[in-house]
Amino acid sequence: MSLQTEPRYTLTEYLDLERSTQARHEYYRGEVFAMGGASFAHTVIVGNVASELRTQLKGKPCRVSPTDLRVKVGGSGLYTYPDIVVVCGPPRLEQPGETLVNPQIIVEVLSESTEAKDRGWKFEQYQGIESLTDYVLVAQDTPRVEHYQRQLDGSWIYTSENRLDHRIAIVSVGCELELAEVYDKVEGLREPGAVYRC
């Protein structure tokens, strides 16, 4: 009896797949993972956060890209599509010009199927991006925005906020995310829990 293994893809085969379909896939060391569709609340939050960042970054050398920009994560072998990416200064694109390698801010909107990965394994991978200064996690079922800010020594400071009349500061680009704007027109939110700061 023989064991069947999952098909392995070269990077070239993966990029050819991405060009040939409208579906999006993550790639990690030869494995390809289909990315699922988003809920309505998820898409509203992505739109709200992208709009807030874009408005506040006008006149600054930063660009906001929601959803469809592929990012290469350092030397880890991960290619993925964060919910929102901010790049400041000239974007560095891996040939053939479709994959960003120097994001400064990554925002992920959490869902039941992605939360554990976004908090754990994926954040570990993202820390390998030298240009990354800020990682923001946004809950979609309750008001909660979490912010990891890289320090000069490479450590990360964590801040969490769950009050709609409060905000999270992203000092590296001079922006603030007001939770009332992040959750504008998002229905069915659960009551928030406690606020934690480290």
N, C-alpha and C. Protein backbone atom coordinates (compact mmCIF):
# COMPACT_ATOMS: atom_id res chain seq x y z
N MET A 1 0.85 -1.18 0.00
CA MET A 1 0.00 0.00 0.00
C MET A 1 0.89 1.24 0.00
N SER A 2 0.61 2.20 -0.88
CA SER A 2 1.42 3.42 -0.97
C SER A 2 0.64 4.60 -0.41
N LEU A 3 1.39 5.50 0.17
CA LEU A 3 0.77 6.72 0.70
C LEU A 3 0.79 7.79 -0.38
N GLN A 4 -0.33 8.43 -0.58
CA GLN A 4 -0.37 9.53 -1.55
C GLN A 4 -0.02 10.82 -0.82
N THR A 5 0.83 11.62 -1.45
CA THR A 5 1.21 12.90 -0.86
C THR A 5 0.47 14.02 -1.56
N GLU A 6 0.33 15.12 -0.85
CA GLU A 6 -0.29 16.30 -1.44
C GLU A 6 0.60 16.81 -2.59
N PRO A 7 -0.01 17.33 -3.64
CA PRO A 7 0.81 17.85 -4.74
C PRO A 7 1.65 19.04 -4.27
N ARG A 8 2.89 19.12 -4.73
CA ARG A 8 3.78 20.22 -4.40
C ARG A 8 3.88 21.12 -5.62
N TYR A 9 3.95 22.42 -5.36
CA TYR A 9 4.03 23.40 -6.43
C TYR A 9 5.36 24.13 -6.34
N THR A 10 5.94 24.40 -7.50
CA THR A 10 7.06 25.34 -7.52
C THR A 10 6.47 26.74 -7.42
N LEU A 11 7.32 27.71 -7.10
CA LEU A 11 6.84 29.09 -7.04
C LEU A 11 6.30 29.53 -8.39
N THR A 12 6.96 29.14 -9.46
CA THR A 12 6.50 29.49 -10.81
C THR A 12 5.11 28.91 -11.07
N GLU A 13 4.89 27.66 -10.68
CA GLU A 13 3.57 27.05 -10.87
C GLU A 13 2.50 27.76 -10.06
N TYR A 14 2.85 28.16 -8.84
CA TYR A 14 1.91 28.90 -8.01
C TYR A 14 1.55 30.23 -8.65
N LEU A 15 2.53 30.99 -9.10
CA LEU A 15 2.26 32.29 -9.72
C LEU A 15 1.45 32.12 -11.00
N ASP A 16 1.72 31.05 -11.78
CA ASP A 16 0.91 30.77 -12.98
C ASP A 16 -0.54 30.49 -12.59
N LEU A 17 -0.74 29.74 -11.50
CA LEU A 17 -2.08 29.45 -11.00
C LEU A 17 -2.80 30.74 -10.64
N GLU A 18 -2.11 31.65 -9.93
CA GLU A 18 -2.73 32.90 -9.51
C GLU A 18 -3.14 33.76 -10.72
N ARG A 19 -2.35 33.72 -11.77
CA ARG A 19 -2.68 34.50 -12.97
C ARG A 19 -3.84 33.88 -13.75
N SER A 20 -4.08 32.59 -13.57
CA SER A 20 -5.06 31.90 -14.39
C SER A 20 -6.44 31.79 -13.76
N THR A 21 -6.59 32.28 -12.52
CA THR A 21 -7.87 32.16 -11.83
C THR A 21 -8.17 33.42 -11.04
N GLN A 22 -9.46 33.65 -10.77
CA GLN A 22 -9.83 34.80 -9.94
C GLN A 22 -9.76 34.46 -8.45
N ALA A 23 -9.72 33.18 -8.13
CA ALA A 23 -9.58 32.77 -6.73
C ALA A 23 -8.18 33.12 -6.25
N ARG A 24 -8.05 33.37 -4.95
CA ARG A 24 -6.75 33.69 -4.37
C ARG A 24 -6.27 32.53 -3.50
N HIS A 25 -4.96 32.34 -3.52
CA HIS A 25 -4.35 31.24 -2.77
C HIS A 25 -3.12 31.74 -2.03
N GLU A 26 -2.90 31.17 -0.85
CA GLU A 26 -1.63 31.38 -0.16
C GLU A 26 -0.67 30.28 -0.61
N TYR A 27 0.61 30.61 -0.53
CA TYR A 27 1.65 29.65 -0.91
C TYR A 27 2.67 29.59 0.22
N TYR A 28 3.02 28.36 0.62
CA TYR A 28 4.04 28.21 1.65
C TYR A 28 4.83 26.94 1.39
N ARG A 29 6.07 27.14 0.98
CA ARG A 29 7.02 26.05 0.79
C ARG A 29 6.44 24.89 -0.01
N GLY A 30 5.88 25.23 -1.16
CA GLY A 30 5.39 24.20 -2.07
C GLY A 30 3.93 23.83 -1.89
N GLU A 31 3.30 24.29 -0.82
CA GLU A 31 1.88 23.99 -0.60
C GLU A 31 1.04 25.21 -0.95
N VAL A 32 -0.12 24.95 -1.54
CA VAL A 32 -1.04 26.01 -1.95
C VAL A 32 -2.34 25.84 -1.18
N PHE A 33 -2.83 26.94 -0.60
CA PHE A 33 -4.04 26.92 0.21
C PHE A 33 -5.04 27.93 -0.34
N ALA A 34 -6.25 27.45 -0.68
CA ALA A 34 -7.29 28.35 -1.17
C ALA A 34 -7.74 29.25 -0.03
N MET A 35 -7.96 30.53 -0.35
CA MET A 35 -8.46 31.48 0.64
C MET A 35 -9.97 31.58 0.48
N GLY A 36 -10.68 31.45 1.60
CA GLY A 36 -12.14 31.45 1.57
C GLY A 36 -12.71 32.85 1.38
N GLY A 37 -13.99 32.89 1.11
CA GLY A 37 -14.69 34.16 0.97
C GLY A 37 -14.87 34.84 2.31
N ALA A 38 -15.18 36.14 2.26
CA ALA A 38 -15.32 36.94 3.49
C ALA A 38 -16.78 37.20 3.78
N SER A 39 -17.10 37.38 5.06
CA SER A 39 -18.45 37.75 5.47
C SER A 39 -18.72 39.21 5.12
N PHE A 40 -19.99 39.59 5.18
CA PHE A 40 -20.35 40.98 4.89
C PHE A 40 -19.69 41.92 5.91
N ALA A 41 -19.73 41.54 7.20
CA ALA A 41 -19.11 42.38 8.23
C ALA A 41 -17.62 42.56 7.96
N HIS A 42 -16.96 41.49 7.55
CA HIS A 42 -15.54 41.53 7.23
C HIS A 42 -15.26 42.56 6.14
N THR A 43 -16.04 42.53 5.08
CA THR A 43 -15.80 43.45 3.96
C THR A 43 -16.08 44.89 4.35
N VAL A 44 -17.10 45.12 5.20
CA VAL A 44 -17.40 46.48 5.65
C VAL A 44 -16.24 47.01 6.49
N ILE A 45 -15.73 46.17 7.40
CA ILE A 45 -14.61 46.60 8.25
C ILE A 45 -13.38 46.91 7.41
N VAL A 46 -13.06 46.05 6.45
CA VAL A 46 -11.91 46.30 5.57
C VAL A 46 -12.09 47.65 4.86
N GLY A 47 -13.28 47.90 4.34
CA GLY A 47 -13.54 49.18 3.67
C GLY A 47 -13.39 50.36 4.61
N ASN A 48 -13.91 50.22 5.83
CA ASN A 48 -13.82 51.31 6.81
C ASN A 48 -12.37 51.62 7.18
N VAL A 49 -11.60 50.58 7.49
CA VAL A 49 -10.21 50.79 7.91
C VAL A 49 -9.39 51.35 6.75
N ALA A 50 -9.56 50.80 5.56
CA ALA A 50 -8.81 51.29 4.40
C ALA A 50 -9.15 52.75 4.14
N SER A 51 -10.43 53.11 4.26
CA SER A 51 -10.84 54.49 4.03
C SER A 51 -10.23 55.44 5.06
N GLU A 52 -10.26 55.02 6.34
CA GLU A 52 -9.67 55.85 7.39
C GLU A 52 -8.18 56.06 7.16
N LEU A 53 -7.47 54.98 6.84
CA LEU A 53 -6.03 55.11 6.61
C LEU A 53 -5.74 55.97 5.39
N ARG A 54 -6.46 55.73 4.32
CA ARG A 54 -6.24 56.51 3.09
C ARG A 54 -6.46 58.00 3.33
N THR A 55 -7.52 58.33 4.05
CA THR A 55 -7.82 59.74 4.34
C THR A 55 -6.71 60.37 5.17
N GLN A 56 -6.26 59.67 6.20
CA GLN A 56 -5.25 60.24 7.09
C GLN A 56 -3.86 60.27 6.47
N LEU A 57 -3.61 59.44 5.46
CA LEU A 57 -2.29 59.38 4.83
C LEU A 57 -2.18 60.28 3.60
N LYS A 58 -3.24 61.01 3.27
CA LYS A 58 -3.14 61.94 2.13
C LYS A 58 -2.03 62.94 2.39
N GLY A 59 -1.24 63.18 1.38
CA GLY A 59 -0.13 64.11 1.52
C GLY A 59 1.12 63.48 2.09
N LYS A 60 1.05 62.21 2.48
CA LYS A 60 2.21 61.48 2.98
C LYS A 60 2.64 60.46 1.93
N PRO A 61 3.88 60.01 1.96
CA PRO A 61 4.37 59.09 0.93
C PRO A 61 3.95 57.64 1.19
N CYS A 62 2.68 57.44 1.55
CA CYS A 62 2.19 56.11 1.88
C CYS A 62 0.97 55.78 1.03
N ARG A 63 0.81 54.51 0.70
CA ARG A 63 -0.33 54.04 -0.08
C ARG A 63 -1.01 52.90 0.66
N VAL A 64 -2.34 52.86 0.51
CA VAL A 64 -3.15 51.84 1.17
C VAL A 64 -3.70 50.90 0.10
N SER A 65 -3.55 49.61 0.33
CA SER A 65 -4.07 48.63 -0.62
C SER A 65 -4.88 47.58 0.13
N PRO A 66 -6.20 47.54 -0.09
CA PRO A 66 -7.00 46.51 0.57
C PRO A 66 -7.09 45.22 -0.25
N THR A 67 -7.00 44.10 0.40
CA THR A 67 -7.43 42.77 -0.03
C THR A 67 -6.63 42.07 -1.11
N ASP A 68 -6.39 42.68 -2.25
CA ASP A 68 -5.90 41.90 -3.38
C ASP A 68 -4.41 42.02 -3.67
N LEU A 69 -3.65 42.62 -2.78
CA LEU A 69 -2.21 42.76 -3.01
C LEU A 69 -1.47 41.61 -2.34
N ARG A 70 -0.75 40.84 -3.16
CA ARG A 70 0.01 39.71 -2.63
C ARG A 70 1.30 40.22 -2.00
N VAL A 71 1.67 39.63 -0.86
CA VAL A 71 2.85 40.02 -0.11
C VAL A 71 3.76 38.80 0.04
N LYS A 72 5.06 39.01 -0.20
CA LYS A 72 6.05 37.97 0.08
C LYS A 72 6.61 38.23 1.47
N VAL A 73 6.64 37.18 2.27
CA VAL A 73 7.07 37.32 3.65
C VAL A 73 8.52 36.87 3.78
N GLY A 74 9.43 37.84 3.65
CA GLY A 74 10.85 37.60 3.86
C GLY A 74 11.35 36.33 3.20
N GLY A 75 12.19 35.61 3.90
CA GLY A 75 12.74 34.37 3.38
C GLY A 75 11.97 33.15 3.85
N SER A 76 10.76 33.34 4.38
CA SER A 76 10.02 32.22 4.96
C SER A 76 9.40 31.32 3.90
N GLY A 77 9.24 31.83 2.68
CA GLY A 77 8.57 31.06 1.64
C GLY A 77 7.07 31.27 1.61
N LEU A 78 6.55 32.22 2.40
CA LEU A 78 5.11 32.50 2.44
C LEU A 78 4.76 33.62 1.48
N TYR A 79 3.75 33.38 0.66
CA TYR A 79 3.12 34.39 -0.18
C TYR A 79 1.66 34.43 0.25
N THR A 80 1.16 35.62 0.60
CA THR A 80 -0.19 35.70 1.14
C THR A 80 -0.84 37.03 0.77
N TYR A 81 -2.12 37.15 1.07
CA TYR A 81 -2.91 38.35 0.76
C TYR A 81 -3.49 38.91 2.06
N PRO A 82 -2.79 39.81 2.73
CA PRO A 82 -3.38 40.43 3.93
C PRO A 82 -4.63 41.23 3.56
N ASP A 83 -5.48 41.47 4.56
CA ASP A 83 -6.69 42.24 4.30
C ASP A 83 -6.39 43.67 3.87
N ILE A 84 -5.40 44.31 4.53
CA ILE A 84 -5.00 45.67 4.17
C ILE A 84 -3.49 45.77 4.32
N VAL A 85 -2.86 46.44 3.37
CA VAL A 85 -1.42 46.67 3.41
C VAL A 85 -1.17 48.15 3.22
N VAL A 86 -0.26 48.71 4.00
CA VAL A 86 0.20 50.08 3.80
C VAL A 86 1.68 50.02 3.47
N VAL A 87 2.08 50.67 2.38
CA VAL A 87 3.49 50.76 2.02
C VAL A 87 3.85 52.24 1.96
N CYS A 88 4.95 52.60 2.59
CA CYS A 88 5.39 53.99 2.62
C CYS A 88 6.70 54.10 1.84
N GLY A 89 6.80 55.12 1.01
CA GLY A 89 7.94 55.22 0.12
C GLY A 89 7.71 54.35 -1.11
N PRO A 90 8.74 54.19 -1.92
CA PRO A 90 8.57 53.41 -3.15
C PRO A 90 8.27 51.94 -2.84
N PRO A 91 7.23 51.37 -3.45
CA PRO A 91 6.98 49.95 -3.25
C PRO A 91 8.05 49.12 -3.94
N ARG A 92 8.52 48.08 -3.26
CA ARG A 92 9.45 47.13 -3.88
C ARG A 92 8.65 45.91 -4.28
N LEU A 93 8.62 45.66 -5.58
CA LEU A 93 7.82 44.57 -6.10
C LEU A 93 8.72 43.48 -6.66
N GLU A 94 8.44 42.26 -6.24
CA GLU A 94 9.18 41.12 -6.76
C GLU A 94 8.73 40.88 -8.20
N GLN A 95 9.67 40.60 -9.07
CA GLN A 95 9.34 40.34 -10.47
C GLN A 95 8.39 39.15 -10.55
N PRO A 96 7.41 39.17 -11.43
CA PRO A 96 7.18 40.16 -12.48
C PRO A 96 6.36 41.37 -12.06
N GLY A 97 6.55 41.87 -10.86
CA GLY A 97 5.91 43.11 -10.45
C GLY A 97 4.56 42.96 -9.81
N GLU A 98 4.24 41.79 -9.30
CA GLU A 98 2.91 41.55 -8.74
C GLU A 98 2.92 41.30 -7.23
N THR A 99 4.09 41.22 -6.63
CA THR A 99 4.18 40.83 -5.22
C THR A 99 4.99 41.85 -4.44
N LEU A 100 4.35 42.46 -3.42
CA LEU A 100 5.01 43.47 -2.60
C LEU A 100 5.93 42.79 -1.58
N VAL A 101 7.13 43.35 -1.40
CA VAL A 101 8.05 42.77 -0.41
C VAL A 101 8.35 43.73 0.74
N ASN A 102 7.84 44.99 0.69
CA ASN A 102 8.17 45.94 1.76
C ASN A 102 6.96 46.64 2.37
N PRO A 103 5.96 45.87 2.85
CA PRO A 103 4.84 46.53 3.55
C PRO A 103 5.32 47.13 4.87
N GLN A 104 4.72 48.26 5.26
CA GLN A 104 5.03 48.84 6.58
C GLN A 104 3.98 48.48 7.60
N ILE A 105 2.72 48.42 7.17
CA ILE A 105 1.61 48.07 8.06
C ILE A 105 0.81 46.95 7.42
N ILE A 106 0.46 45.96 8.21
CA ILE A 106 -0.46 44.90 7.77
C ILE A 106 -1.63 44.88 8.74
N VAL A 107 -2.84 44.85 8.17
CA VAL A 107 -4.07 44.75 8.96
C VAL A 107 -4.77 43.45 8.56
N GLU A 108 -5.15 42.66 9.55
CA GLU A 108 -5.95 41.47 9.32
C GLU A 108 -7.25 41.58 10.10
N VAL A 109 -8.38 41.31 9.42
CA VAL A 109 -9.68 41.25 10.08
C VAL A 109 -9.92 39.79 10.44
N LEU A 110 -10.15 39.54 11.71
CA LEU A 110 -10.21 38.17 12.22
C LEU A 110 -11.56 37.51 11.92
N SER A 111 -11.50 36.21 11.64
CA SER A 111 -12.70 35.40 11.54
C SER A 111 -12.46 34.13 12.33
N GLU A 112 -13.50 33.34 12.55
CA GLU A 112 -13.34 32.10 13.32
C GLU A 112 -12.32 31.19 12.65
N SER A 113 -12.31 31.15 11.33
CA SER A 113 -11.43 30.22 10.63
C SER A 113 -9.98 30.71 10.54
N THR A 114 -9.74 32.03 10.70
CA THR A 114 -8.39 32.55 10.52
C THR A 114 -7.75 33.09 11.80
N GLU A 115 -8.54 33.28 12.86
CA GLU A 115 -8.03 34.01 14.03
C GLU A 115 -6.79 33.36 14.64
N ALA A 116 -6.82 32.05 14.86
CA ALA A 116 -5.67 31.39 15.49
C ALA A 116 -4.42 31.55 14.63
N LYS A 117 -4.56 31.41 13.33
CA LYS A 117 -3.41 31.53 12.43
C LYS A 117 -2.90 32.97 12.39
N ASP A 118 -3.83 33.94 12.30
CA ASP A 118 -3.43 35.35 12.23
C ASP A 118 -2.71 35.78 13.51
N ARG A 119 -3.14 35.26 14.67
CA ARG A 119 -2.52 35.63 15.94
C ARG A 119 -1.19 34.91 16.17
N GLY A 120 -1.09 33.71 15.65
CA GLY A 120 0.06 32.88 15.96
C GLY A 120 1.04 32.74 14.82
N TRP A 121 0.87 31.68 14.04
CA TRP A 121 1.83 31.32 13.01
C TRP A 121 2.07 32.46 12.01
N LYS A 122 0.98 33.09 11.54
CA LYS A 122 1.16 34.12 10.51
C LYS A 122 1.87 35.34 11.08
N PHE A 123 1.56 35.74 12.31
CA PHE A 123 2.27 36.86 12.91
C PHE A 123 3.75 36.54 13.06
N GLU A 124 4.06 35.31 13.43
CA GLU A 124 5.47 34.91 13.50
C GLU A 124 6.15 35.09 12.14
N GLN A 125 5.47 34.71 11.08
CA GLN A 125 6.03 34.85 9.74
C GLN A 125 6.19 36.34 9.39
N TYR A 126 5.16 37.14 9.67
CA TYR A 126 5.20 38.56 9.33
C TYR A 126 6.36 39.28 10.02
N GLN A 127 6.76 38.83 11.20
CA GLN A 127 7.86 39.49 11.89
C GLN A 127 9.17 39.39 11.12
N GLY A 128 9.24 38.50 10.13
CA GLY A 128 10.42 38.40 9.29
C GLY A 128 10.49 39.44 8.19
N ILE A 129 9.47 40.27 8.06
CA ILE A 129 9.47 41.36 7.06
C ILE A 129 10.18 42.55 7.69
N GLU A 130 11.34 42.89 7.19
CA GLU A 130 12.15 43.95 7.81
C GLU A 130 11.45 45.30 7.82
N SER A 131 10.66 45.59 6.80
CA SER A 131 10.01 46.91 6.69
C SER A 131 8.78 47.03 7.59
N LEU A 132 8.27 45.93 8.12
CA LEU A 132 7.02 45.94 8.89
C LEU A 132 7.22 46.60 10.24
N THR A 133 6.45 47.66 10.49
CA THR A 133 6.50 48.35 11.79
C THR A 133 5.26 48.11 12.62
N ASP A 134 4.13 47.76 11.97
CA ASP A 134 2.87 47.66 12.69
C ASP A 134 2.03 46.50 12.15
N TYR A 135 1.44 45.75 13.08
CA TYR A 135 0.53 44.67 12.74
C TYR A 135 -0.75 44.91 13.52
N VAL A 136 -1.88 45.00 12.83
CA VAL A 136 -3.16 45.36 13.44
C VAL A 136 -4.15 44.22 13.21
N LEU A 137 -4.80 43.78 14.28
CA LEU A 137 -5.83 42.75 14.22
C LEU A 137 -7.16 43.38 14.60
N VAL A 138 -8.18 43.13 13.79
CA VAL A 138 -9.49 43.72 14.02
C VAL A 138 -10.52 42.59 14.13
N ALA A 139 -11.20 42.51 15.27
CA ALA A 139 -12.28 41.52 15.44
C ALA A 139 -13.47 41.96 14.61
N GLN A 140 -14.25 41.01 14.13
CA GLN A 140 -15.43 41.41 13.35
C GLN A 140 -16.75 41.15 14.07
N ASP A 141 -16.70 40.45 15.22
CA ASP A 141 -17.94 40.14 15.92
C ASP A 141 -18.14 40.96 17.19
N THR A 142 -17.09 41.68 17.61
CA THR A 142 -17.17 42.52 18.81
C THR A 142 -16.17 43.66 18.62
N PRO A 143 -16.42 44.85 19.19
CA PRO A 143 -15.44 45.92 19.04
C PRO A 143 -14.13 45.56 19.72
N ARG A 144 -13.07 45.36 18.94
CA ARG A 144 -11.75 45.08 19.50
C ARG A 144 -10.71 45.26 18.40
N VAL A 145 -9.79 46.19 18.63
CA VAL A 145 -8.68 46.40 17.72
C VAL A 145 -7.40 46.20 18.53
N GLU A 146 -6.52 45.34 18.02
CA GLU A 146 -5.26 45.04 18.68
C GLU A 146 -4.11 45.50 17.79
N HIS A 147 -3.10 46.05 18.40
CA HIS A 147 -2.01 46.66 17.65
C HIS A 147 -0.67 46.19 18.21
N TYR A 148 0.16 45.66 17.33
CA TYR A 148 1.53 45.30 17.67
C TYR A 148 2.45 46.30 16.97
N GLN A 149 3.30 46.97 17.74
CA GLN A 149 4.22 47.97 17.19
C GLN A 149 5.65 47.53 17.43
N ARG A 150 6.43 47.44 16.33
CA ARG A 150 7.82 47.00 16.44
C ARG A 150 8.67 48.11 17.04
N GLN A 151 9.53 47.75 17.98
CA GLN A 151 10.46 48.68 18.61
C GLN A 151 11.82 48.61 17.93
N LEU A 152 12.68 49.56 18.24
CA LEU A 152 13.99 49.61 17.61
C LEU A 152 14.81 48.37 17.89
N ASP A 153 14.59 47.72 19.03
CA ASP A 153 15.36 46.52 19.36
C ASP A 153 14.74 45.25 18.79
N GLY A 154 13.66 45.40 17.99
CA GLY A 154 13.02 44.25 17.37
C GLY A 154 11.89 43.65 18.17
N SER A 155 11.70 44.09 19.42
CA SER A 155 10.59 43.60 20.23
C SER A 155 9.30 44.30 19.77
N TRP A 156 8.17 43.79 20.26
CA TRP A 156 6.87 44.34 19.87
C TRP A 156 6.10 44.78 21.11
N ILE A 157 5.48 45.95 21.03
CA ILE A 157 4.60 46.43 22.10
C ILE A 157 3.16 46.18 21.65
N TYR A 158 2.36 45.65 22.57
CA TYR A 158 0.97 45.28 22.29
C TYR A 158 0.01 46.25 22.95
N THR A 159 -0.99 46.71 22.21
CA THR A 159 -2.06 47.54 22.76
C THR A 159 -3.39 47.00 22.24
N SER A 160 -4.40 47.01 23.09
CA SER A 160 -5.73 46.55 22.68
C SER A 160 -6.77 47.55 23.16
N GLU A 161 -7.77 47.79 22.32
CA GLU A 161 -8.84 48.73 22.69
C GLU A 161 -10.17 48.14 22.25
N ASN A 162 -11.20 48.29 23.11
CA ASN A 162 -12.52 47.77 22.74
C ASN A 162 -13.66 48.76 22.98
N ARG A 163 -13.34 50.01 23.23
CA ARG A 163 -14.39 51.01 23.46
C ARG A 163 -14.58 51.82 22.19
N LEU A 164 -15.82 51.90 21.74
CA LEU A 164 -16.11 52.56 20.46
C LEU A 164 -15.73 54.03 20.46
N ASP A 165 -15.67 54.66 21.64
CA ASP A 165 -15.31 56.08 21.67
C ASP A 165 -13.81 56.28 21.90
N HIS A 166 -13.02 55.22 21.73
CA HIS A 166 -11.57 55.31 21.87
C HIS A 166 -10.90 55.00 20.54
N ARG A 167 -9.59 55.13 20.53
CA ARG A 167 -8.84 54.94 19.29
C ARG A 167 -7.51 54.25 19.55
N ILE A 168 -6.95 53.70 18.49
CA ILE A 168 -5.62 53.09 18.51
C ILE A 168 -4.71 53.97 17.67
N ALA A 169 -3.57 54.37 18.23
CA ALA A 169 -2.62 55.22 17.51
C ALA A 169 -1.61 54.35 16.78
N ILE A 170 -1.40 54.68 15.50
CA ILE A 170 -0.34 54.04 14.71
C ILE A 170 0.71 55.13 14.49
N VAL A 171 1.62 55.23 15.45
CA VAL A 171 2.56 56.35 15.53
C VAL A 171 3.49 56.39 14.33
N SER A 172 3.88 55.25 13.81
CA SER A 172 4.88 55.21 12.73
C SER A 172 4.46 56.01 11.50
N VAL A 173 3.14 56.14 11.28
CA VAL A 173 2.65 56.90 10.13
C VAL A 173 1.76 58.07 10.54
N GLY A 174 1.66 58.32 11.84
CA GLY A 174 0.87 59.45 12.33
C GLY A 174 -0.62 59.30 12.11
N CYS A 175 -1.14 58.08 12.27
CA CYS A 175 -2.57 57.83 12.08
C CYS A 175 -3.19 57.34 13.38
N GLU A 176 -4.52 57.45 13.44
CA GLU A 176 -5.29 56.88 14.54
C GLU A 176 -6.49 56.16 13.96
N LEU A 177 -6.79 54.99 14.50
CA LEU A 177 -7.99 54.27 14.11
C LEU A 177 -9.02 54.41 15.22
N GLU A 178 -10.04 55.21 14.96
CA GLU A 178 -11.13 55.39 15.92
C GLU A 178 -12.08 54.22 15.78
N LEU A 179 -12.35 53.53 16.87
CA LEU A 179 -13.16 52.33 16.77
C LEU A 179 -14.56 52.59 16.23
N ALA A 180 -15.13 53.76 16.53
CA ALA A 180 -16.46 54.07 15.99
C ALA A 180 -16.44 54.09 14.47
N GLU A 181 -15.32 54.52 13.87
CA GLU A 181 -15.19 54.53 12.41
C GLU A 181 -14.89 53.14 11.88
N VAL A 182 -14.06 52.39 12.59
CA VAL A 182 -13.74 51.02 12.17
C VAL A 182 -15.00 50.19 12.07
N TYR A 183 -15.93 50.37 13.03
CA TYR A 183 -17.14 49.55 13.09
C TYR A 183 -18.39 50.26 12.58
N ASP A 184 -18.21 51.35 11.87
CA ASP A 184 -19.35 52.08 11.30
C ASP A 184 -20.17 51.17 10.38
N LYS A 185 -21.47 51.08 10.65
CA LYS A 185 -22.42 50.30 9.85
C LYS A 185 -22.19 48.79 9.92
N VAL A 186 -21.45 48.33 10.94
CA VAL A 186 -21.31 46.89 11.17
C VAL A 186 -22.39 46.49 12.17
N GLU A 187 -23.27 45.59 11.77
CA GLU A 187 -24.41 45.21 12.60
C GLU A 187 -24.12 43.94 13.39
N GLY A 188 -24.82 43.79 14.52
CA GLY A 188 -24.77 42.57 15.30
C GLY A 188 -23.53 42.38 16.14
N LEU A 189 -22.85 43.47 16.51
CA LEU A 189 -21.65 43.35 17.34
C LEU A 189 -22.02 42.92 18.76
N ARG A 190 -21.23 42.00 19.32
CA ARG A 190 -21.41 41.60 20.71
C ARG A 190 -20.81 42.66 21.63
N GLU A 191 -21.23 42.65 22.88
CA GLU A 191 -20.67 43.57 23.87
C GLU A 191 -19.17 43.29 24.04
N PRO A 192 -18.36 44.33 24.16
CA PRO A 192 -16.92 44.11 24.33
C PRO A 192 -16.58 43.56 25.70
N GLY A 193 -15.42 42.93 25.79
CA GLY A 193 -14.89 42.44 27.06
C GLY A 193 -14.02 43.48 27.70
N ALA A 194 -13.05 43.04 28.45
CA ALA A 194 -12.17 43.96 29.18
C ALA A 194 -11.11 44.54 28.25
N VAL A 195 -10.53 45.64 28.65
CA VAL A 195 -9.44 46.29 27.92
C VAL A 195 -8.13 45.87 28.53
N TYR A 196 -7.18 45.49 27.70
CA TYR A 196 -5.85 45.09 28.18
C TYR A 196 -4.80 45.97 27.55
N ARG A 197 -3.81 46.36 28.34
CA ARG A 197 -2.67 47.12 27.81
C ARG A 197 -1.40 46.53 28.41
N CYS A 198 -0.38 46.41 27.59
CA CYS A 198 0.92 45.92 28.06
C CYS A 198 1.96 46.97 27.76
